[in-house]
N, C-alpha and C. Protein backbone atom coordinates (compact mmCIF):
# COMPACT_ATOMS: atom_id res chain seq x y z
N MET A 1 -45.67 -19.16 -6.20
CA MET A 1 -44.99 -19.84 -6.60
C MET A 1 -45.41 -21.48 -5.98
N PRO A 2 -45.54 -22.63 -6.44
CA PRO A 2 -45.74 -24.12 -6.46
C PRO A 2 -44.32 -23.98 -5.08
N LYS A 3 -44.82 -25.37 -4.52
CA LYS A 3 -44.11 -25.89 -3.66
C LYS A 3 -42.61 -26.39 -3.93
N GLU A 4 -41.30 -26.28 -3.42
CA GLU A 4 -40.37 -26.37 -3.79
C GLU A 4 -39.94 -27.66 -3.54
N SER A 5 -39.73 -28.47 -4.15
CA SER A 5 -39.13 -29.93 -4.26
C SER A 5 -37.79 -30.59 -3.17
N GLY A 6 -38.60 -30.47 -2.21
CA GLY A 6 -38.30 -31.01 -1.14
C GLY A 6 -37.35 -30.00 0.11
N GLN A 7 -37.38 -28.46 -0.66
CA GLN A 7 -36.30 -27.48 -0.41
C GLN A 7 -36.59 -26.44 -0.04
N THR A 8 -36.45 -25.85 0.87
CA THR A 8 -36.77 -24.60 1.86
C THR A 8 -37.58 -24.19 0.81
N PRO A 9 -38.63 -23.13 1.12
CA PRO A 9 -39.44 -22.62 0.08
C PRO A 9 -38.56 -21.35 0.02
N ARG A 10 -38.72 -20.61 -1.87
CA ARG A 10 -37.64 -19.57 -1.34
C ARG A 10 -38.34 -18.44 -0.49
N ARG A 11 -37.75 -17.26 -0.65
CA ARG A 11 -38.21 -16.22 0.22
C ARG A 11 -38.59 -14.74 -0.86
N SER A 12 -39.00 -14.23 -0.97
CA SER A 12 -38.80 -12.81 -1.85
C SER A 12 -37.91 -12.09 -1.29
N ALA A 13 -37.37 -11.69 -2.51
CA ALA A 13 -36.40 -10.62 -2.07
C ALA A 13 -36.79 -9.37 -1.55
N SER A 14 -35.95 -9.14 -0.63
CA SER A 14 -35.55 -7.55 -0.13
C SER A 14 -35.43 -6.51 -1.12
N GLU A 15 -36.07 -5.42 -0.67
CA GLU A 15 -35.52 -4.36 -1.68
C GLU A 15 -34.13 -4.10 -1.92
N ASP A 16 -33.00 -4.29 -1.11
CA ASP A 16 -31.87 -4.33 -1.09
C ASP A 16 -31.61 -5.05 -1.72
N GLU A 17 -31.90 -6.43 -1.57
CA GLU A 17 -31.23 -6.92 -2.32
C GLU A 17 -31.87 -7.46 -3.99
N ALA A 18 -33.10 -6.99 -4.10
CA ALA A 18 -33.56 -6.49 -5.75
C ALA A 18 -32.37 -5.83 -6.18
N LYS A 19 -32.45 -4.50 -5.36
CA LYS A 19 -31.48 -3.49 -6.11
C LYS A 19 -30.02 -3.88 -6.05
N ALA A 20 -30.00 -4.97 -5.49
CA ALA A 20 -28.07 -5.48 -5.56
C ALA A 20 -28.19 -6.33 -7.11
N LEU A 21 -29.15 -7.10 -7.46
CA LEU A 21 -29.32 -7.84 -8.28
C LEU A 21 -30.04 -7.25 -9.75
N ALA A 22 -29.76 -5.91 -9.77
CA ALA A 22 -30.40 -5.44 -11.02
C ALA A 22 -29.82 -4.86 -11.88
N SER A 23 -28.39 -5.58 -11.58
CA SER A 23 -27.67 -5.15 -12.62
C SER A 23 -26.84 -6.16 -13.99
N ALA A 24 -27.10 -6.04 -14.98
CA ALA A 24 -26.23 -7.30 -15.57
C ALA A 24 -25.10 -7.73 -15.10
N VAL A 25 -23.94 -6.56 -14.93
CA VAL A 25 -22.39 -6.59 -14.72
C VAL A 25 -22.63 -7.74 -13.11
N ARG A 26 -23.81 -7.26 -12.19
CA ARG A 26 -23.56 -8.14 -10.97
C ARG A 26 -23.96 -9.20 -11.18
N ILE A 27 -25.16 -9.40 -12.04
CA ILE A 27 -25.47 -11.07 -12.34
C ILE A 27 -24.17 -11.32 -12.99
N ARG A 28 -23.40 -11.18 -13.57
CA ARG A 28 -22.65 -11.72 -14.58
C ARG A 28 -21.20 -12.25 -13.14
N ILE A 29 -20.96 -11.19 -12.43
CA ILE A 29 -19.60 -11.20 -11.30
C ILE A 29 -20.49 -12.46 -10.53
N LEU A 30 -21.75 -12.61 -9.85
CA LEU A 30 -21.89 -13.83 -9.57
C LEU A 30 -21.67 -14.98 -10.01
N ARG A 31 -21.95 -14.81 -11.30
CA ARG A 31 -21.96 -16.32 -11.98
C ARG A 31 -20.45 -16.35 -12.38
N LEU A 32 -19.56 -15.82 -12.48
CA LEU A 32 -18.02 -15.97 -12.51
C LEU A 32 -17.69 -16.19 -11.24
N CYS A 33 -18.25 -15.71 -9.66
CA CYS A 33 -17.43 -16.21 -8.36
C CYS A 33 -18.48 -17.49 -7.76
N LEU A 34 -19.29 -18.11 -8.61
CA LEU A 34 -19.77 -18.79 -8.26
C LEU A 34 -19.03 -20.90 -7.92
N LYS A 35 -18.00 -20.86 -8.78
CA LYS A 35 -17.48 -22.29 -8.59
C LYS A 35 -15.84 -21.77 -8.26
N GLU A 36 -15.62 -20.38 -8.25
CA GLU A 36 -13.87 -20.21 -8.23
C GLU A 36 -13.61 -18.62 -7.09
N GLN A 37 -12.91 -18.81 -6.63
CA GLN A 37 -12.65 -17.24 -6.08
C GLN A 37 -11.81 -16.41 -6.67
N LEU A 38 -12.00 -14.95 -7.24
CA LEU A 38 -11.56 -14.14 -8.06
C LEU A 38 -11.47 -13.11 -7.11
N THR A 39 -10.46 -12.27 -7.73
CA THR A 39 -10.32 -10.85 -7.15
C THR A 39 -11.11 -9.90 -8.03
N ASN A 40 -11.20 -8.65 -7.41
CA ASN A 40 -11.80 -7.55 -7.92
C ASN A 40 -10.54 -7.57 -9.48
N LYS A 41 -9.69 -7.54 -9.43
CA LYS A 41 -8.84 -7.56 -10.66
C LYS A 41 -8.81 -8.94 -11.78
N GLU A 42 -9.06 -9.61 -11.15
CA GLU A 42 -9.30 -10.96 -11.89
C GLU A 42 -10.91 -10.80 -12.68
N ILE A 43 -11.59 -10.79 -12.24
CA ILE A 43 -13.10 -10.32 -12.37
C ILE A 43 -13.33 -9.47 -13.51
N ALA A 44 -12.69 -7.96 -13.65
CA ALA A 44 -12.61 -7.25 -14.27
C ALA A 44 -11.77 -7.62 -15.52
N THR A 45 -10.80 -8.43 -15.50
CA THR A 45 -10.35 -8.67 -16.84
C THR A 45 -10.84 -9.80 -17.43
N LYS A 46 -12.23 -10.78 -16.37
CA LYS A 46 -12.66 -11.79 -17.25
C LYS A 46 -14.26 -10.79 -17.95
N LEU A 47 -14.67 -9.55 -17.34
CA LEU A 47 -15.65 -8.87 -17.83
C LEU A 47 -14.89 -7.97 -18.44
N ALA A 48 -13.65 -7.62 -19.09
CA ALA A 48 -13.08 -6.45 -19.70
C ALA A 48 -13.74 -5.38 -19.86
N ALA A 49 -13.46 -4.80 -18.16
CA ALA A 49 -14.34 -3.64 -17.37
C ALA A 49 -13.13 -3.26 -17.02
N ASN A 50 -13.95 -2.26 -16.32
CA ASN A 50 -12.45 -1.47 -15.52
C ASN A 50 -12.88 -1.64 -14.44
N PRO A 51 -11.57 -1.70 -13.65
CA PRO A 51 -11.80 -2.46 -12.24
C PRO A 51 -12.28 -1.80 -11.25
N ALA A 52 -12.59 -0.35 -11.40
CA ALA A 52 -12.88 0.57 -10.06
C ALA A 52 -14.32 0.68 -10.58
N THR A 53 -14.82 0.07 -11.79
CA THR A 53 -16.15 0.06 -11.67
C THR A 53 -16.63 -1.65 -11.58
N VAL A 54 -15.72 -2.81 -11.66
CA VAL A 54 -16.01 -3.79 -10.74
C VAL A 54 -15.94 -3.70 -9.53
N LEU A 55 -15.05 -2.94 -8.72
CA LEU A 55 -15.15 -3.13 -7.38
C LEU A 55 -16.51 -1.95 -6.79
N TYR A 56 -17.06 -1.42 -7.13
CA TYR A 56 -18.35 -0.55 -6.87
C TYR A 56 -19.05 -1.77 -7.38
N HIS A 57 -19.47 -2.35 -8.11
CA HIS A 57 -20.50 -3.30 -8.21
C HIS A 57 -20.28 -4.88 -7.41
N VAL A 58 -19.01 -4.89 -6.78
CA VAL A 58 -18.60 -5.92 -5.91
C VAL A 58 -19.12 -5.76 -4.56
N ARG A 59 -18.81 -4.43 -4.51
CA ARG A 59 -19.21 -4.27 -2.65
C ARG A 59 -20.76 -4.07 -2.67
N LYS A 60 -21.38 -3.54 -3.76
CA LYS A 60 -22.38 -3.90 -3.88
C LYS A 60 -23.16 -5.15 -3.35
N LEU A 61 -22.49 -6.00 -4.11
CA LEU A 61 -23.01 -7.95 -4.25
C LEU A 61 -22.27 -7.89 -2.38
N VAL A 62 -21.66 -7.58 -1.92
CA VAL A 62 -21.11 -7.77 -0.51
C VAL A 62 -22.12 -7.41 0.49
N ALA A 63 -22.46 -6.05 0.36
CA ALA A 63 -22.78 -5.14 1.30
C ALA A 63 -24.55 -6.36 1.01
N ALA A 64 -24.89 -6.86 -0.01
CA ALA A 64 -26.10 -7.50 0.44
C ALA A 64 -26.27 -8.88 0.45
N GLY A 65 -25.21 -10.07 0.59
CA GLY A 65 -25.13 -11.12 1.27
C GLY A 65 -24.43 -11.85 -0.18
N PHE A 66 -24.60 -11.49 -1.64
CA PHE A 66 -24.38 -12.29 -1.98
C PHE A 66 -22.53 -12.56 -2.83
N LEU A 67 -21.97 -12.00 -2.41
CA LEU A 67 -20.53 -12.10 -2.36
C LEU A 67 -20.25 -12.55 -0.94
N GLU A 68 -18.78 -13.50 -0.52
CA GLU A 68 -18.27 -13.41 0.32
C GLU A 68 -16.78 -13.06 0.15
N PRO A 69 -16.13 -12.13 0.96
CA PRO A 69 -14.72 -12.20 0.94
C PRO A 69 -14.22 -13.85 1.39
N GLN A 70 -12.77 -13.54 0.95
CA GLN A 70 -12.18 -15.14 1.00
C GLN A 70 -10.89 -14.48 1.91
N GLU A 71 -10.14 -15.25 2.51
CA GLU A 71 -8.58 -15.33 2.93
C GLU A 71 -8.28 -13.96 1.74
N ALA A 72 -7.24 -13.13 2.05
CA ALA A 72 -6.18 -12.69 1.30
C ALA A 72 -5.00 -13.37 1.11
N ARG A 73 -4.82 -12.94 0.12
CA ARG A 73 -4.14 -13.53 -0.68
C ARG A 73 -2.75 -13.10 -1.36
N SER A 74 -1.73 -13.51 -1.27
CA SER A 74 -0.44 -12.73 -2.05
C SER A 74 -0.76 -12.78 -3.71
N GLY A 75 -0.75 -11.42 -4.34
CA GLY A 75 -1.13 -11.25 -5.75
C GLY A 75 0.18 -11.27 -6.55
N PRO A 76 -0.08 -11.52 -7.67
CA PRO A 76 1.44 -11.87 -8.70
C PRO A 76 2.74 -10.59 -8.44
N SER A 77 1.82 -9.70 -8.40
CA SER A 77 3.12 -8.41 -7.58
C SER A 77 3.64 -8.68 -6.38
N GLY A 78 3.08 -9.33 -5.35
CA GLY A 78 3.90 -9.59 -4.05
C GLY A 78 2.19 -8.48 -2.87
N ALA A 79 1.17 -7.97 -3.78
CA ALA A 79 0.77 -6.89 -3.12
C ALA A 79 -0.72 -8.11 -2.49
N PHE A 80 -1.42 -7.68 -1.28
CA PHE A 80 -2.42 -8.75 -0.67
C PHE A 80 -3.50 -8.83 -1.81
N GLU A 81 -4.49 -9.41 -2.28
CA GLU A 81 -5.94 -9.14 -2.81
C GLU A 81 -6.57 -10.20 -2.08
N ILE A 82 -7.88 -9.48 -2.30
CA ILE A 82 -8.59 -10.26 -1.80
C ILE A 82 -10.11 -10.80 -2.72
N PRO A 83 -9.73 -12.36 -2.35
CA PRO A 83 -10.62 -12.88 -3.74
C PRO A 83 -12.22 -12.86 -2.68
N TYR A 84 -13.23 -12.90 -4.07
CA TYR A 84 -14.15 -13.03 -3.60
C TYR A 84 -15.11 -14.39 -3.90
N ARG A 85 -16.04 -14.88 -3.76
CA ARG A 85 -16.93 -15.64 -3.75
C ARG A 85 -18.43 -15.53 -3.68
N ALA A 86 -19.17 -16.05 -4.79
CA ALA A 86 -20.40 -15.86 -4.74
C ALA A 86 -21.28 -17.23 -3.64
N THR A 87 -22.08 -16.60 -2.58
CA THR A 87 -23.03 -17.50 -1.52
C THR A 87 -23.58 -18.38 -2.15
N GLY A 88 -24.64 -18.31 -3.18
CA GLY A 88 -25.52 -19.05 -3.59
C GLY A 88 -26.95 -18.65 -3.07
N LYS A 89 -26.82 -17.38 -2.29
CA LYS A 89 -28.17 -17.12 -1.76
C LYS A 89 -29.44 -16.57 -2.57
N SER A 90 -28.57 -15.78 -3.92
CA SER A 90 -29.65 -15.68 -4.98
C SER A 90 -30.50 -16.68 -4.89
N TRP A 91 -29.92 -18.02 -5.81
CA TRP A 91 -31.15 -19.27 -5.69
C TRP A 91 -31.87 -19.15 -4.68
N GLN A 92 -31.95 -19.12 -3.55
CA GLN A 92 -32.66 -19.46 -2.37
C GLN A 92 -33.68 -18.50 -2.59
N LEU A 93 -33.73 -17.07 -3.63
CA LEU A 93 -34.48 -16.24 -3.40
C LEU A 93 -35.91 -16.52 -4.49
N ASN A 94 -37.10 -15.80 -4.46
CA ASN A 94 -37.94 -15.81 -5.73
C ASN A 94 -38.02 -14.25 -5.96
N LEU A 95 -37.30 -14.52 -6.89
CA LEU A 95 -37.31 -13.15 -7.89
C LEU A 95 -38.41 -13.23 -9.06
N ASP A 96 -39.51 -12.67 -8.65
CA ASP A 96 -41.09 -12.72 -9.23
C ASP A 96 -40.68 -11.92 -10.42
N GLY A 97 -39.69 -11.94 -10.71
CA GLY A 97 -40.10 -10.86 -12.18
C GLY A 97 -40.62 -9.44 -12.31
N ARG A 98 -41.66 -9.02 -11.07
CA ARG A 98 -42.29 -8.01 -11.22
C ARG A 98 -41.35 -6.66 -11.46
N ASP A 99 -40.33 -6.99 -10.73
CA ASP A 99 -39.28 -5.37 -10.74
C ASP A 99 -38.53 -5.42 -12.05
N LEU A 100 -39.19 -4.61 -13.02
CA LEU A 100 -38.20 -4.28 -14.50
C LEU A 100 -37.15 -4.41 -14.77
N ARG A 101 -36.77 -3.88 -13.87
CA ARG A 101 -34.97 -3.53 -13.20
C ARG A 101 -34.41 -5.00 -13.44
N LEU A 102 -34.80 -5.85 -12.39
CA LEU A 102 -34.15 -6.89 -11.87
C LEU A 102 -34.42 -8.15 -13.60
N ARG A 103 -35.47 -7.82 -14.39
CA ARG A 103 -35.83 -8.75 -15.54
C ARG A 103 -35.21 -8.06 -16.40
N GLY A 104 -34.74 -6.57 -16.62
CA GLY A 104 -33.55 -6.45 -17.61
C GLY A 104 -32.29 -6.39 -17.31
N ALA A 105 -31.98 -6.45 -15.82
CA ALA A 105 -30.59 -7.19 -15.66
C ALA A 105 -30.42 -8.58 -15.95
N MET A 106 -31.13 -9.98 -15.80
CA MET A 106 -31.52 -10.69 -16.04
C MET A 106 -31.15 -10.79 -17.71
N ILE A 107 -31.88 -10.52 -18.49
CA ILE A 107 -31.85 -10.34 -19.94
C ILE A 107 -30.64 -10.24 -20.52
N GLY A 108 -30.36 -9.13 -19.78
CA GLY A 108 -28.97 -7.91 -20.30
C GLY A 108 -27.65 -9.19 -19.87
N ALA A 109 -27.52 -9.68 -18.94
CA ALA A 109 -26.86 -10.72 -18.45
C ALA A 109 -26.83 -12.00 -19.54
N PHE A 110 -27.95 -12.24 -19.60
CA PHE A 110 -27.82 -13.68 -20.78
C PHE A 110 -27.72 -13.08 -21.88
N MET A 111 -28.06 -12.02 -22.57
CA MET A 111 -27.72 -11.58 -24.06
C MET A 111 -26.22 -11.19 -24.15
N SER A 112 -24.96 -10.88 -23.05
CA SER A 112 -23.83 -10.60 -22.97
C SER A 112 -23.69 -11.80 -22.96
N GLU A 113 -23.59 -12.72 -22.12
CA GLU A 113 -23.16 -13.73 -22.37
C GLU A 113 -22.88 -15.05 -23.14
N VAL A 114 -24.58 -14.89 -23.92
CA VAL A 114 -24.41 -15.78 -24.94
C VAL A 114 -23.91 -15.26 -26.22
N GLY A 115 -23.81 -13.68 -26.34
CA GLY A 115 -23.28 -13.33 -27.30
C GLY A 115 -21.47 -13.76 -27.45
N GLN A 116 -21.18 -13.59 -26.38
CA GLN A 116 -19.75 -14.10 -26.25
C GLN A 116 -19.35 -15.63 -26.66
N VAL A 117 -20.18 -16.69 -26.80
CA VAL A 117 -20.27 -17.41 -27.37
C VAL A 117 -20.37 -17.83 -29.21
N PRO A 118 -18.79 -18.30 -29.30
CA PRO A 118 -18.92 -18.79 -30.52
C PRO A 118 -20.04 -19.18 -31.13
N ALA A 119 -20.04 -19.23 -32.60
CA ALA A 119 -21.01 -20.35 -33.00
C ALA A 119 -21.00 -21.47 -32.60
N SER A 120 -22.07 -22.07 -32.42
CA SER A 120 -22.15 -23.76 -31.85
C SER A 120 -22.88 -24.30 -31.65
N GLU A 121 -22.70 -25.71 -31.85
CA GLU A 121 -24.36 -26.37 -32.11
C GLU A 121 -24.43 -26.70 -30.30
N GLN A 122 -23.80 -26.35 -29.84
CA GLN A 122 -23.66 -26.41 -27.92
C GLN A 122 -24.77 -25.34 -27.53
N VAL A 123 -24.86 -24.49 -28.49
CA VAL A 123 -26.10 -23.12 -27.88
C VAL A 123 -27.63 -23.58 -28.85
N ALA A 124 -28.27 -23.97 -27.44
CA ALA A 124 -29.07 -24.58 -27.82
C ALA A 124 -30.52 -23.48 -27.26
N ILE A 125 -31.10 -23.07 -28.38
CA ILE A 125 -32.38 -21.58 -28.32
C ILE A 125 -33.37 -22.80 -28.48
N SER A 126 -34.59 -22.18 -27.74
CA SER A 126 -35.80 -23.09 -28.39
C SER A 126 -37.29 -21.87 -28.04
N ARG A 127 -37.92 -21.90 -28.59
CA ARG A 127 -39.23 -20.68 -27.93
C ARG A 127 -40.40 -21.84 -28.22
N LEU A 128 -41.24 -21.40 -27.56
CA LEU A 128 -42.68 -22.16 -27.77
C LEU A 128 -43.70 -21.38 -26.92
N GLY A 129 -44.90 -21.24 -27.94
CA GLY A 129 -45.95 -21.01 -27.33
C GLY A 129 -47.13 -21.71 -26.97
N ILE A 130 -47.54 -21.58 -25.68
CA ILE A 130 -48.64 -22.34 -25.29
C ILE A 130 -49.58 -21.81 -24.60
N ARG A 131 -50.87 -22.67 -24.51
CA ARG A 131 -51.93 -22.11 -23.91
C ARG A 131 -52.37 -23.13 -22.58
N LEU A 132 -52.48 -22.32 -21.73
CA LEU A 132 -52.33 -23.06 -19.81
C LEU A 132 -53.17 -22.66 -19.11
N THR A 133 -53.93 -23.28 -18.49
CA THR A 133 -54.70 -23.00 -17.45
C THR A 133 -54.15 -22.76 -16.51
N GLU A 134 -54.75 -21.97 -15.06
CA GLU A 134 -53.90 -21.80 -14.29
C GLU A 134 -53.25 -22.50 -13.66
N ASP A 135 -54.16 -23.70 -13.28
CA ASP A 135 -53.29 -25.39 -12.69
C ASP A 135 -52.19 -25.84 -13.63
N GLY A 136 -52.78 -25.48 -15.37
CA GLY A 136 -51.33 -26.18 -15.68
C GLY A 136 -50.49 -24.90 -15.61
N TYR A 137 -50.38 -24.00 -15.43
CA TYR A 137 -49.26 -23.01 -15.56
C TYR A 137 -48.51 -23.32 -14.17
N ALA A 138 -48.93 -23.55 -13.10
CA ALA A 138 -49.00 -24.14 -11.80
C ALA A 138 -48.11 -24.98 -11.84
N ARG A 139 -48.34 -26.33 -12.55
CA ARG A 139 -47.38 -27.41 -12.94
C ARG A 139 -46.28 -26.96 -13.86
N LEU A 140 -46.74 -26.69 -14.51
CA LEU A 140 -45.39 -26.61 -15.60
C LEU A 140 -44.53 -25.72 -14.58
N LEU A 141 -44.42 -24.61 -13.85
CA LEU A 141 -43.64 -24.27 -13.06
C LEU A 141 -43.21 -25.01 -12.01
N GLU A 142 -43.70 -25.44 -11.63
CA GLU A 142 -43.31 -26.48 -10.03
C GLU A 142 -42.25 -27.97 -10.80
N ARG A 143 -42.81 -28.24 -12.54
CA ARG A 143 -42.02 -29.37 -12.95
C ARG A 143 -40.61 -28.43 -13.35
N VAL A 144 -40.70 -27.44 -14.16
CA VAL A 144 -39.46 -26.54 -14.34
C VAL A 144 -38.57 -26.32 -13.21
N GLN A 145 -38.96 -26.15 -12.09
CA GLN A 145 -38.28 -25.82 -11.35
C GLN A 145 -37.42 -26.49 -10.40
N ASP A 146 -38.46 -27.90 -10.50
CA ASP A 146 -37.85 -29.12 -9.93
C ASP A 146 -36.81 -29.22 -10.26
N LEU A 147 -36.91 -29.63 -12.31
CA LEU A 147 -35.64 -29.78 -13.04
C LEU A 147 -34.49 -28.63 -13.06
N LEU A 148 -34.72 -27.44 -12.46
CA LEU A 148 -33.31 -26.45 -12.02
C LEU A 148 -32.73 -26.39 -10.76
N ASP A 149 -33.66 -27.10 -9.66
CA ASP A 149 -32.94 -27.37 -8.26
C ASP A 149 -32.32 -28.89 -8.25
N GLU A 150 -33.05 -29.42 -9.38
CA GLU A 150 -31.71 -31.04 -9.92
C GLU A 150 -30.57 -30.71 -10.40
N ALA A 151 -30.42 -29.99 -11.22
CA ALA A 151 -29.24 -29.27 -12.41
C ALA A 151 -28.50 -28.57 -11.04
N GLU A 152 -29.10 -27.82 -10.61
CA GLU A 152 -28.66 -26.93 -9.60
C GLU A 152 -27.14 -27.89 -8.79
N ALA A 153 -27.87 -28.83 -8.23
CA ALA A 153 -27.27 -29.55 -6.90
C ALA A 153 -26.47 -30.52 -7.80
N GLU A 154 -26.62 -30.77 -8.86
CA GLU A 154 -25.69 -32.33 -9.37
C GLU A 154 -24.43 -31.93 -9.29
N GLU A 155 -24.06 -32.14 -9.14
CA GLU A 155 -22.20 -31.93 -8.94
C GLU A 155 -21.10 -32.65 -10.16
N ALA A 156 -20.35 -31.67 -10.82
CA ALA A 156 -19.81 -31.79 -12.06
C ALA A 156 -18.64 -32.78 -11.67
N ALA A 157 -18.62 -33.27 -12.39
CA ALA A 157 -16.96 -33.92 -12.53
C ALA A 157 -16.22 -33.37 -12.99
N ASP A 158 -14.91 -33.74 -12.48
CA ASP A 158 -13.58 -33.41 -12.95
C ASP A 158 -13.78 -32.97 -13.91
N GLY A 159 -13.27 -31.65 -14.60
CA GLY A 159 -12.84 -31.46 -15.76
C GLY A 159 -14.66 -31.11 -16.74
N GLY A 160 -15.76 -31.12 -15.73
CA GLY A 160 -16.57 -30.82 -16.48
C GLY A 160 -16.94 -29.59 -17.25
N THR A 161 -17.81 -29.30 -18.22
CA THR A 161 -18.01 -27.81 -18.82
C THR A 161 -19.02 -26.88 -18.53
N PRO A 162 -18.54 -25.79 -18.10
CA PRO A 162 -19.71 -25.26 -17.17
C PRO A 162 -20.21 -24.65 -18.28
N TYR A 163 -21.99 -24.77 -17.66
CA TYR A 163 -23.18 -24.44 -18.88
C TYR A 163 -24.07 -23.22 -17.78
N SER A 164 -24.49 -22.80 -18.71
CA SER A 164 -25.81 -21.57 -17.82
C SER A 164 -27.20 -21.63 -19.17
N LEU A 165 -27.94 -21.76 -18.15
CA LEU A 165 -29.48 -21.77 -18.53
C LEU A 165 -30.26 -20.60 -18.39
N PHE A 166 -31.20 -20.49 -19.27
CA PHE A 166 -31.70 -19.21 -19.18
C PHE A 166 -33.45 -18.78 -20.08
N LEU A 167 -34.22 -19.14 -18.40
CA LEU A 167 -35.75 -19.27 -18.68
C LEU A 167 -36.42 -18.43 -18.64
N ALA A 168 -37.56 -18.07 -19.58
CA ALA A 168 -38.90 -17.00 -19.38
C ALA A 168 -40.11 -18.18 -19.47
N ILE A 169 -40.72 -17.79 -18.72
CA ILE A 169 -42.05 -17.76 -18.93
C ILE A 169 -42.87 -16.58 -18.81
N HIS A 170 -43.73 -16.27 -19.74
CA HIS A 170 -44.75 -14.97 -19.42
C HIS A 170 -45.57 -15.46 -20.36
N PRO A 171 -46.48 -13.91 -20.54
CA PRO A 171 -47.58 -13.84 -21.11
C PRO A 171 -47.38 -13.41 -22.39
N ASP A 172 -47.85 -14.02 -23.46
CA ASP A 172 -47.69 -13.54 -24.79
C ASP A 172 -48.99 -11.88 -25.03
N ALA A 173 -48.10 -10.82 -25.08
CA ALA A 173 -48.30 -9.67 -24.94
C ALA A 173 -49.72 -9.47 -26.17
N GLY A 174 -51.09 -9.05 -25.38
CA GLY A 174 -52.08 -8.62 -26.77
C GLY A 174 -52.81 -10.04 -27.02
N THR A 175 -52.61 -11.42 -26.61
CA THR A 175 -53.04 -12.30 -27.18
C THR A 175 -54.16 -13.07 -26.46
N GLY A 176 -54.50 -12.67 -25.63
CA GLY A 176 -55.78 -13.16 -24.41
C GLY A 176 -55.17 -12.24 -23.26
N PRO A 177 -56.33 -12.80 -21.98
CA PRO A 177 -56.44 -12.15 -20.76
C PRO A 177 -55.28 -12.47 -19.83
N GLU A 178 -54.51 -11.42 -19.39
CA GLU A 178 -52.91 -11.34 -18.52
C GLU A 178 -53.37 -12.41 -17.42
N PRO A 179 -52.27 -13.20 -17.14
CA PRO A 179 -52.77 -14.19 -16.06
C PRO A 179 -52.05 -13.19 -14.46
N GLU A 180 -52.99 -13.94 -13.67
CA GLU A 180 -52.62 -13.32 -12.59
C GLU A 180 -51.57 -13.69 -11.63
N THR A 181 -50.91 -14.96 -12.05
CA THR A 181 -49.32 -15.17 -11.05
C THR A 181 -48.83 -15.02 -12.05
N PRO A 182 -47.50 -14.57 -11.68
CA PRO A 182 -46.24 -13.96 -12.54
C PRO A 182 -45.16 -14.91 -12.31
N ALA A 183 -44.73 -15.70 -13.50
CA ALA A 183 -43.56 -16.33 -13.37
C ALA A 183 -42.23 -16.03 -12.54
N ALA A 184 -41.80 -17.16 -12.01
CA ALA A 184 -40.51 -17.10 -11.03
C ALA A 184 -39.25 -16.95 -11.94
N GLN A 185 -38.30 -15.85 -11.29
CA GLN A 185 -37.01 -15.91 -12.01
C GLN A 185 -35.76 -16.29 -10.66
N ASN A 186 -34.84 -16.86 -11.14
CA ASN A 186 -33.72 -17.18 -10.37
C ASN A 186 -32.44 -16.48 -10.84
N THR A 187 -31.06 -16.88 -10.16
CA THR A 187 -30.01 -16.21 -10.32
C THR A 187 -29.27 -16.99 -9.77
N ASP A 188 -28.10 -17.00 -10.35
CA ASP A 188 -27.15 -17.65 -9.16
C ASP A 188 -25.95 -17.03 -8.49
């Protein structure tokens, strides 16, 4: 992957990290816990999922360092609950897309999330077919990564609307020679 824009270069995910991210549910949990602390029950409610199933996924994310338990707090019934917060670690990894499980998980998370958005002019989807040299491909990836890093670092004003962005760059199957450089994928 090309240089990172002033940031520490991303490292490849370990096998355990890749396995932890190879689930659309876990990617969605990370997104939910990125800007706010949520308990297992709150995550399950937002995902319309079984709390026991969510706890299984939360534990995998904690073990891999993608979620951190926060200070226990008293819940509505008086019981102590543990909220979780995403560490942002996934953004620091180079998830190169060779792992089909991870690729499928990212696409699955995108499909679930965009499927929950009502018809709106705020959903912008574009598709473009282009031909690039290896250098052109590397420059495009660098520019896209710079733009993503800039957007990720931007702090939203109070009351800002949360948005998600999904980007995939892939060779067109069956229309030419296969490129040697895989596209990079990141999650938060």
